Amino acid sequence: MEAVKWIGNQGSHEAGLTAADVLDGADLLSHALKTLYDRSGDEMGRRIRAVNRRRGLPRNYKVR
């Protein structure tokens, strides 16, 4: 998030930003928000832990 702040500060206090600067800031902000709020990997983490606990797949395992 601090990197996005620096890009914004540069844009508001200096000559301005290029399109590439804005796109970099958007990519950085998107990554930060996904890291903070996206929980789609939680289910995969549970599946991984379950396999590790069992030390393999159960015989009746169905692929999703």
PDB file of N, CA and C in Angstrom:
ATOM      1  N   MET A   1       0.821  -1.185   0.000  1.00  0.00           N
ATOM      2  CA  MET A   1       0.000   0.000   0.000  1.00  0.00           C
ATOM      3  C   MET A   1       0.869   1.255   0.000  1.00  0.00           C
ATOM      4  N   GLU A   2       2.024   1.165   0.608  1.00  0.00           N
ATOM      5  CA  GLU A   2       2.878   2.346   0.649  1.00  0.00           C
ATOM      6  C   GLU A   2       3.379   2.708  -0.746  1.00  0.00           C
ATOM      7  N   ALA A   3       3.629   1.697  -1.578  1.00  0.00           N
ATOM      8  CA  ALA A   3       4.074   1.980  -2.947  1.00  0.00           C
ATOM      9  C   ALA A   3       3.007   2.750  -3.716  1.00  0.00           C
ATOM     10  N   VAL A   4       1.738   2.392  -3.507  1.00  0.00           N
ATOM     11  CA  VAL A   4       0.641   3.110  -4.159  1.00  0.00           C
ATOM     12  C   VAL A   4       0.602   4.554  -3.654  1.00  0.00           C
ATOM     13  N   LYS A   5       0.853   4.730  -2.370  1.00  0.00           N
ATOM     14  CA  LYS A   5       0.888   6.084  -1.800  1.00  0.00           C
ATOM     15  C   LYS A   5       1.970   6.931  -2.468  1.00  0.00           C
ATOM     16  N   TRP A   6       3.159   6.351  -2.662  1.00  0.00           N
ATOM     17  CA  TRP A   6       4.256   7.108  -3.263  1.00  0.00           C
ATOM     18  C   TRP A   6       3.921   7.501  -4.702  1.00  0.00           C
ATOM     19  N   ILE A   7       3.297   6.584  -5.421  1.00  0.00           N
ATOM     20  CA  ILE A   7       2.908   6.907  -6.803  1.00  0.00           C
ATOM     21  C   ILE A   7       1.888   8.044  -6.802  1.00  0.00           C
ATOM     22  N   GLY A   8       0.907   7.963  -5.904  1.00  0.00           N
ATOM     23  CA  GLY A   8      -0.093   9.033  -5.809  1.00  0.00           C
ATOM     24  C   GLY A   8       0.510  10.359  -5.413  1.00  0.00           C
ATOM     25  N   ASN A   9       1.438  10.329  -4.459  1.00  0.00           N
ATOM     26  CA  ASN A   9       2.102  11.572  -4.034  1.00  0.00           C
ATOM     27  C   ASN A   9       2.871  12.206  -5.181  1.00  0.00           C
ATOM     28  N   GLN A  10       3.564  11.380  -5.932  1.00  0.00           N
ATOM     29  CA  GLN A  10       4.327  11.915  -7.057  1.00  0.00           C
ATOM     30  C   GLN A  10       3.388  12.557  -8.071  1.00  0.00           C
ATOM     31  N   GLY A  11       2.261  11.927  -8.301  1.00  0.00           N
ATOM     32  CA  GLY A  11       1.312  12.471  -9.271  1.00  0.00           C
ATOM     33  C   GLY A  11       0.675  13.772  -8.833  1.00  0.00           C
ATOM     34  N   SER A  12       0.489  13.936  -7.533  1.00  0.00           N
ATOM     35  CA  SER A  12      -0.186  15.153  -7.068  1.00  0.00           C
ATOM     36  C   SER A  12       0.773  16.294  -6.734  1.00  0.00           C
ATOM     37  N   HIS A  13       2.046  16.006  -6.540  1.00  0.00           N
ATOM     38  CA  HIS A  13       2.982  17.053  -6.134  1.00  0.00           C
ATOM     39  C   HIS A  13       4.031  17.389  -7.187  1.00  0.00           C
ATOM     40  N   GLU A  14       4.136  16.577  -8.206  1.00  0.00           N
ATOM     41  CA  GLU A  14       5.150  16.843  -9.233  1.00  0.00           C
ATOM     42  C   GLU A  14       4.459  17.050 -10.574  1.00  0.00           C
ATOM     43  N   ALA A  15       5.195  16.838 -11.635  1.00  0.00           N
ATOM     44  CA  ALA A  15       4.700  17.142 -12.980  1.00  0.00           C
ATOM     45  C   ALA A  15       3.516  16.281 -13.404  1.00  0.00           C
ATOM     46  N   GLY A  16       3.327  15.136 -12.802  1.00  0.00           N
ATOM     47  CA  GLY A  16       2.216  14.273 -13.179  1.00  0.00           C
ATOM     48  C   GLY A  16       2.681  12.847 -13.376  1.00  0.00           C
ATOM     49  N   LEU A  17       1.759  12.020 -13.770  1.00  0.00           N
ATOM     50  CA  LEU A  17       2.039  10.607 -13.942  1.00  0.00           C
ATOM     51  C   LEU A  17       1.847  10.205 -15.400  1.00  0.00           C
ATOM     52  N   THR A  18       2.588   9.212 -15.809  1.00  0.00           N
ATOM     53  CA  THR A  18       2.376   8.630 -17.127  1.00  0.00           C
ATOM     54  C   THR A  18       1.294   7.562 -17.012  1.00  0.00           C
ATOM     55  N   ALA A  19       0.816   7.122 -18.138  1.00  0.00           N
ATOM     56  CA  ALA A  19      -0.171   6.035 -18.147  1.00  0.00           C
ATOM     57  C   ALA A  19       0.435   4.782 -17.517  1.00  0.00           C
ATOM     58  N   ALA A  20       1.707   4.536 -17.770  1.00  0.00           N
ATOM     59  CA  ALA A  20       2.389   3.367 -17.193  1.00  0.00           C
ATOM     60  C   ALA A  20       2.430   3.467 -15.670  1.00  0.00           C
ATOM     61  N   ASP A  21       2.662   4.672 -15.132  1.00  0.00           N
ATOM     62  CA  ASP A  21       2.664   4.876 -13.679  1.00  0.00           C
ATOM     63  C   ASP A  21       1.304   4.539 -13.076  1.00  0.00           C
ATOM     64  N   VAL A  22       0.252   5.007 -13.730  1.00  0.00           N
ATOM     65  CA  VAL A  22      -1.105   4.755 -13.235  1.00  0.00           C
ATOM     66  C   VAL A  22      -1.402   3.258 -13.268  1.00  0.00           C
ATOM     67  N   LEU A  23      -1.021   2.589 -14.352  1.00  0.00           N
ATOM     68  CA  LEU A  23      -1.250   1.148 -14.461  1.00  0.00           C
ATOM     69  C   LEU A  23      -0.449   0.379 -13.410  1.00  0.00           C
ATOM     70  N   ASP A  24       0.783   0.793 -13.154  1.00  0.00           N
ATOM     71  CA  ASP A  24       1.577   0.162 -12.091  1.00  0.00           C
ATOM     72  C   ASP A  24       0.879   0.325 -10.739  1.00  0.00           C
ATOM     73  N   GLY A  25       0.405   1.525 -10.459  1.00  0.00           N
ATOM     74  CA  GLY A  25      -0.298   1.771  -9.204  1.00  0.00           C
ATOM     75  C   GLY A  25      -1.552   0.915  -9.089  1.00  0.00           C
ATOM     76  N   ALA A  26      -2.292   0.788 -10.185  1.00  0.00           N
ATOM     77  CA  ALA A  26      -3.509  -0.031 -10.172  1.00  0.00           C
ATOM     78  C   ALA A  26      -3.168  -1.494  -9.924  1.00  0.00           C
ATOM     79  N   ASP A  27      -2.111  -1.987 -10.560  1.00  0.00           N
ATOM     80  CA  ASP A  27      -1.681  -3.377 -10.326  1.00  0.00           C
ATOM     81  C   ASP A  27      -1.270  -3.597  -8.875  1.00  0.00           C
ATOM     82  N   LEU A  28      -0.523  -2.660  -8.325  1.00  0.00           N
ATOM     83  CA  LEU A  28      -0.087  -2.779  -6.932  1.00  0.00           C
ATOM     84  C   LEU A  28      -1.273  -2.750  -5.973  1.00  0.00           C
ATOM     85  N   LEU A  29      -2.217  -1.855  -6.222  1.00  0.00           N
ATOM     86  CA  LEU A  29      -3.398  -1.768  -5.373  1.00  0.00           C
ATOM     87  C   LEU A  29      -4.243  -3.036  -5.479  1.00  0.00           C
ATOM     88  N   SER A  30      -4.389  -3.552  -6.689  1.00  0.00           N
ATOM     89  CA  SER A  30      -5.144  -4.790  -6.889  1.00  0.00           C
ATOM     90  C   SER A  30      -4.511  -5.944  -6.116  1.00  0.00           C
ATOM     91  N   HIS A  31      -3.196  -6.056  -6.191  1.00  0.00           N
ATOM     92  CA  HIS A  31      -2.492  -7.117  -5.459  1.00  0.00           C
ATOM     93  C   HIS A  31      -2.691  -6.966  -3.949  1.00  0.00           C
ATOM     94  N   ALA A  32      -2.590  -5.746  -3.458  1.00  0.00           N
ATOM     95  CA  ALA A  32      -2.755  -5.512  -2.020  1.00  0.00           C
ATOM     96  C   ALA A  32      -4.164  -5.892  -1.568  1.00  0.00           C
ATOM     97  N   LEU A  33      -5.169  -5.505  -2.334  1.00  0.00           N
ATOM     98  CA  LEU A  33      -6.549  -5.821  -1.961  1.00  0.00           C
ATOM     99  C   LEU A  33      -6.814  -7.323  -1.996  1.00  0.00           C
ATOM    100  N   LYS A  34      -6.274  -8.005  -3.006  1.00  0.00           N
ATOM    101  CA  LYS A  34      -6.428  -9.467  -3.076  1.00  0.00           C
ATOM    102  C   LYS A  34      -5.756 -10.126  -1.883  1.00  0.00           C
ATOM    103  N   THR A  35      -4.578  -9.665  -1.536  1.00  0.00           N
ATOM    104  CA  THR A  35      -3.853 -10.230  -0.403  1.00  0.00           C
ATOM    105  C   THR A  35      -4.635 -10.039   0.897  1.00  0.00           C
ATOM    106  N   LEU A  36      -5.245  -8.894   1.053  1.00  0.00           N
ATOM    107  CA  LEU A  36      -5.970  -8.591   2.284  1.00  0.00           C
ATOM    108  C   LEU A  36      -7.343  -9.248   2.364  1.00  0.00           C
ATOM    109  N   TYR A  37      -8.069  -9.309   1.245  1.00  0.00           N
ATOM    110  CA  TYR A  37      -9.483  -9.663   1.316  1.00  0.00           C
ATOM    111  C   TYR A  37      -9.912 -10.906   0.544  1.00  0.00           C
ATOM    112  N   ASP A  38      -9.125 -11.386  -0.404  1.00  0.00           N
ATOM    113  CA  ASP A  38      -9.546 -12.529  -1.218  1.00  0.00           C
ATOM    114  C   ASP A  38      -9.334 -13.818  -0.435  1.00  0.00           C
ATOM    115  N   ARG A  39     -10.389 -14.523  -0.168  1.00  0.00           N
ATOM    116  CA  ARG A  39     -10.326 -15.761   0.608  1.00  0.00           C
ATOM    117  C   ARG A  39     -10.554 -16.990  -0.261  1.00  0.00           C
ATOM    118  N   SER A  40     -10.438 -16.855  -1.591  1.00  0.00           N
ATOM    119  CA  SER A  40     -10.685 -17.983  -2.484  1.00  0.00           C
ATOM    120  C   SER A  40      -9.658 -19.098  -2.292  1.00  0.00           C
ATOM    121  N   GLY A  41      -8.496 -18.775  -1.798  1.00  0.00           N
ATOM    122  CA  GLY A  41      -7.481 -19.792  -1.552  1.00  0.00           C
ATOM    123  C   GLY A  41      -7.686 -20.568  -0.258  1.00  0.00           C
ATOM    124  N   ASP A  42      -8.626 -20.124   0.586  1.00  0.00           N
ATOM    125  CA  ASP A  42      -8.863 -20.797   1.859  1.00  0.00           C
ATOM    126  C   ASP A  42      -9.298 -22.247   1.670  1.00  0.00           C
ATOM    127  N   GLU A  43     -10.206 -22.479   0.718  1.00  0.00           N
ATOM    128  CA  GLU A  43     -10.687 -23.844   0.469  1.00  0.00           C
ATOM    129  C   GLU A  43      -9.533 -24.733  -0.006  1.00  0.00           C
ATOM    130  N   MET A  44      -8.698 -24.212  -0.872  1.00  0.00           N
ATOM    131  CA  MET A  44      -7.555 -24.991  -1.351  1.00  0.00           C
ATOM    132  C   MET A  44      -6.623 -25.310  -0.182  1.00  0.00           C
ATOM    133  N   GLY A  45      -6.419 -24.371   0.700  1.00  0.00           N
ATOM    134  CA  GLY A  45      -5.580 -24.614   1.874  1.00  0.00           C
ATOM    135  C   GLY A  45      -6.143 -25.718   2.752  1.00  0.00           C
ATOM    136  N   ARG A  46      -7.469 -25.727   2.928  1.00  0.00           N
ATOM    137  CA  ARG A  46      -8.101 -26.802   3.711  1.00  0.00           C
ATOM    138  C   ARG A  46      -7.902 -28.151   3.048  1.00  0.00           C
ATOM    139  N   ARG A  47      -8.039 -28.176   1.722  1.00  0.00           N
ATOM    140  CA  ARG A  47      -7.856 -29.444   0.994  1.00  0.00           C
ATOM    141  C   ARG A  47      -6.403 -29.936   1.117  1.00  0.00           C
ATOM    142  N   ILE A  48      -5.479 -29.025   1.026  1.00  0.00           N
ATOM    143  CA  ILE A  48      -4.065 -29.381   1.149  1.00  0.00           C
ATOM    144  C   ILE A  48      -3.773 -29.941   2.537  1.00  0.00           C
ATOM    145  N   ARG A  49      -4.280 -29.263   3.566  1.00  0.00           N
ATOM    146  CA  ARG A  49      -4.053 -29.749   4.934  1.00  0.00           C
ATOM    147  C   ARG A  49      -4.692 -31.116   5.155  1.00  0.00           C
ATOM    148  N   ALA A  50      -5.874 -31.342   4.564  1.00  0.00           N
ATOM    149  CA  ALA A  50      -6.544 -32.638   4.714  1.00  0.00           C
ATOM    150  C   ALA A  50      -5.726 -33.757   4.075  1.00  0.00           C
ATOM    151  N   VAL A  51      -5.190 -33.522   2.899  1.00  0.00           N
ATOM    152  CA  VAL A  51      -4.349 -34.527   2.234  1.00  0.00           C
ATOM    153  C   VAL A  51      -3.098 -34.786   3.065  1.00  0.00           C
ATOM    154  N   ASN A  52      -2.492 -33.742   3.571  1.00  0.00           N
ATOM    155  CA  ASN A  52      -1.288 -33.911   4.383  1.00  0.00           C
ATOM    156  C   ASN A  52      -1.578 -34.676   5.668  1.00  0.00           C
ATOM    157  N   ARG A  53      -2.734 -34.406   6.297  1.00  0.00           N
ATOM    158  CA  ARG A  53      -3.099 -35.143   7.513  1.00  0.00           C
ATOM    159  C   ARG A  53      -3.290 -36.627   7.216  1.00  0.00           C
ATOM    160  N   ARG A  54      -3.927 -36.914   6.096  1.00  0.00           N
ATOM    161  CA  ARG A  54      -4.169 -38.317   5.728  1.00  0.00           C
ATOM    162  C   ARG A  54      -2.938 -38.971   5.120  1.00  0.00           C
ATOM    163  N   ARG A  55      -1.977 -38.146   4.731  1.00  0.00           N
ATOM    164  CA  ARG A  55      -0.781 -38.599   4.009  1.00  0.00           C
ATOM    165  C   ARG A  55      -1.163 -39.281   2.696  1.00  0.00           C
ATOM    166  N   GLY A  56      -2.107 -38.687   2.009  1.00  0.00           N
ATOM    167  CA  GLY A  56      -2.548 -39.178   0.708  1.00  0.00           C
ATOM    168  C   GLY A  56      -4.044 -39.024   0.565  1.00  0.00           C
ATOM    169  N   LEU A  57      -4.546 -39.384  -0.595  1.00  0.00           N
ATOM    170  CA  LEU A  57      -5.971 -39.299  -0.864  1.00  0.00           C
ATOM    171  C   LEU A  57      -6.696 -40.511  -0.310  1.00  0.00           C
ATOM    172  N   PRO A  58      -7.921 -40.332   0.188  1.00  0.00           N
ATOM    173  CA  PRO A  58      -8.701 -41.493   0.595  1.00  0.00           C
ATOM    174  C   PRO A  58      -9.108 -42.291  -0.644  1.00  0.00           C
ATOM    175  N   ARG A  59      -9.423 -43.561  -0.468  1.00  0.00           N
ATOM    176  CA  ARG A  59      -9.767 -44.420  -1.610  1.00  0.00           C
ATOM    177  C   ARG A  59     -11.012 -43.944  -2.349  1.00  0.00           C
ATOM    178  N   ASN A  60     -11.947 -43.291  -1.690  1.00  0.00           N
ATOM    179  CA  ASN A  60     -13.187 -42.842  -2.316  1.00  0.00           C
ATOM    180  C   ASN A  60     -13.125 -41.360  -2.730  1.00  0.00           C
ATOM    181  N   TYR A  61     -11.941 -40.819  -2.924  1.00  0.00           N
ATOM    182  CA  TYR A  61     -11.758 -39.410  -3.250  1.00  0.00           C
ATOM    183  C   TYR A  61     -12.313 -39.119  -4.638  1.00  0.00           C
ATOM    184  N   LYS A  62     -13.074 -38.030  -4.760  1.00  0.00           N
ATOM    185  CA  LYS A  62     -13.630 -37.593  -6.040  1.00  0.00           C
ATOM    186  C   LYS A  62     -12.940 -36.296  -6.441  1.00  0.00           C
ATOM    187  N   VAL A  63     -12.448 -36.235  -7.665  1.00  0.00           N
ATOM    188  CA  VAL A  63     -11.794 -35.040  -8.173  1.00  0.00           C
ATOM    189  C   VAL A  63     -12.852 -33.986  -8.412  1.00  0.00           C
ATOM    190  N   ARG A  64     -12.557 -32.755  -8.022  1.00  0.00           N
ATOM    191  CA  ARG A  64     -13.515 -31.643  -8.214  1.00  0.00           C
ATOM    192  C   ARG A  64     -13.332 -31.012  -9.554  1.00  0.00           C
TER     193      ARG A  64
END
